[in-house]
Amino acid sequence: MESILRLACAWMMAIVLCGCSTGWFHVGSDFDLNAFTSRVERGVTTRDQVRTWLGAPPSTGVNVDTNGQRFEEWTYYFVEGRMASLSDTTLKTLQIKFDSKGLVQGWELSQPPK
């Protein structure tokens, strides 16, 4: 009886894995790069404004420049595609640097070509 249960579990795992390998996936929350780039002003835009436009960042950290200046860094990312064909995967990222006053000092973004 125990071997039948193991066999049944193995078959169920195989079915689940096959289903996942052909399905769509996404990681992160989609965000509007245009909402950011059309409004942002270096040295003027605040953390609160960015949060209003894009929502809470999924990742935060610290960035230290080569001259030693420290910045708070927020990272937004979104990935989607099909497990069966990773060449069809879409990735976009936005990293925003804030100074100690909470003002945007720089950003880096990437998105697939249109």
Protein backbone atom coordinates (compact mmCIF):
# COMPACT_ATOMS: atom_id res chain seq x y z
CA MET A 1 0.00 0.00 0.00
CA GLU A 2 2.84 2.37 0.87
CA SER A 3 4.47 1.86 -2.54
CA ILE A 4 1.19 2.71 -4.29
CA LEU A 5 1.00 5.98 -2.36
CA ARG A 6 4.60 6.81 -3.30
CA LEU A 7 3.89 6.05 -6.96
CA ALA A 8 0.74 8.19 -6.87
CA CYS A 9 2.67 11.08 -5.27
CA ALA A 10 5.42 10.79 -7.86
CA TRP A 11 2.89 10.92 -10.70
CA MET A 12 1.15 13.94 -9.16
CA MET A 13 4.49 15.76 -8.81
CA ALA A 14 5.34 14.98 -12.44
CA ILE A 15 1.98 16.36 -13.60
CA VAL A 16 2.40 19.54 -11.54
CA LEU A 17 5.95 20.10 -12.81
CA CYS A 18 4.92 19.57 -16.43
CA GLY A 19 2.05 22.03 -15.99
CA CYS A 20 4.37 24.63 -14.48
CA SER A 21 6.95 24.26 -17.21
CA THR A 22 4.51 25.33 -19.93
CA GLY A 23 2.72 28.05 -17.97
CA TRP A 24 3.28 31.77 -17.67
CA PHE A 25 5.03 33.24 -14.66
CA HIS A 26 5.68 36.70 -13.31
CA VAL A 27 7.82 38.07 -10.51
CA GLY A 28 7.31 41.48 -8.91
CA SER A 29 4.54 43.96 -9.62
CA ASP A 30 4.21 45.68 -12.95
CA PHE A 31 4.87 49.42 -12.74
CA ASP A 32 4.57 52.39 -15.07
CA LEU A 33 8.01 53.69 -16.09
CA ASN A 34 6.38 56.62 -17.90
CA ALA A 35 4.67 57.74 -14.68
CA PHE A 36 8.13 58.05 -13.19
CA THR A 37 10.20 59.45 -16.08
CA SER A 38 7.64 62.06 -17.11
CA ARG A 39 7.42 63.56 -13.59
CA VAL A 40 10.74 63.01 -11.84
CA GLU A 41 13.08 65.95 -11.24
CA ARG A 42 16.55 65.32 -9.88
CA GLY A 43 17.00 67.11 -6.53
CA VAL A 44 13.29 68.02 -6.33
CA THR A 45 11.20 64.82 -6.37
CA THR A 46 10.71 63.21 -2.94
CA ARG A 47 10.42 59.60 -1.74
CA ASP A 48 6.74 60.20 -0.94
CA GLN A 49 6.04 61.33 -4.50
CA VAL A 50 7.76 58.25 -5.95
CA ARG A 51 5.79 56.00 -3.58
CA THR A 52 2.55 57.68 -4.73
CA TRP A 53 3.40 57.12 -8.40
CA LEU A 54 4.82 53.58 -8.21
CA GLY A 55 3.73 52.14 -4.87
CA ALA A 56 5.98 50.71 -2.19
CA PRO A 57 9.32 49.43 -3.48
CA PRO A 58 9.76 45.66 -3.38
CA SER A 59 13.44 46.10 -2.51
CA THR A 60 15.43 48.78 -0.67
CA GLY A 61 19.08 49.13 0.16
CA VAL A 62 22.08 51.42 0.36
CA ASN A 63 24.31 52.51 -2.53
CA VAL A 64 27.76 53.94 -1.81
CA ASP A 65 29.39 55.94 -4.62
CA THR A 66 33.10 55.72 -5.38
CA ASN A 67 33.58 59.02 -3.51
CA GLY A 68 31.96 57.53 -0.39
CA GLN A 69 28.61 59.31 -0.61
CA ARG A 70 25.75 57.10 0.61
CA PHE A 71 22.33 56.94 -1.01
CA GLU A 72 19.17 55.09 -0.10
CA GLU A 73 18.24 52.97 -3.11
CA TRP A 74 14.82 51.65 -4.09
CA THR A 75 14.50 48.94 -6.71
CA TYR A 76 11.36 48.14 -8.68
CA TYR A 77 11.32 45.08 -10.94
CA PHE A 78 8.92 43.06 -13.05
CA VAL A 79 9.62 39.84 -14.93
CA GLU A 80 7.16 37.78 -16.92
CA GLY A 81 7.45 35.01 -19.45
CA ARG A 82 6.89 31.37 -20.20
CA MET A 83 8.88 28.66 -18.48
CA ALA A 84 9.05 26.66 -21.72
CA SER A 85 10.71 29.53 -23.61
CA LEU A 86 12.78 31.88 -21.50
CA SER A 87 13.77 33.80 -24.64
CA ASP A 88 10.27 35.32 -24.53
CA THR A 89 10.87 36.66 -21.02
CA THR A 90 10.34 40.38 -20.39
CA LEU A 91 12.29 42.17 -17.67
CA LYS A 92 12.14 45.77 -16.59
CA THR A 93 13.88 47.37 -13.63
CA LEU A 94 14.07 50.80 -12.06
CA GLN A 95 16.62 51.74 -9.41
CA ILE A 96 16.22 55.12 -7.72
CA LYS A 97 18.81 56.81 -5.50
CA PHE A 98 17.72 59.21 -2.73
CA ASP A 99 19.98 61.52 -0.74
CA SER A 100 19.80 61.93 3.05
CA LYS A 101 16.99 64.51 2.63
CA GLY A 102 14.86 61.99 0.70
CA LEU A 103 15.27 63.70 -2.68
CA VAL A 104 15.88 61.80 -5.92
CA GLN A 105 19.52 62.16 -6.97
CA GLY A 106 19.62 59.64 -9.80
CA TRP A 107 18.00 56.60 -11.35
CA GLU A 108 18.75 53.75 -13.67
CA LEU A 109 16.16 51.95 -15.70
CA SER A 110 15.97 49.16 -18.20
CA GLN A 111 13.12 47.77 -20.23
CA PRO A 112 12.74 45.61 -23.31
CA PRO A 113 13.00 47.36 -26.69
CA LYS A 114 9.72 48.29 -28.32
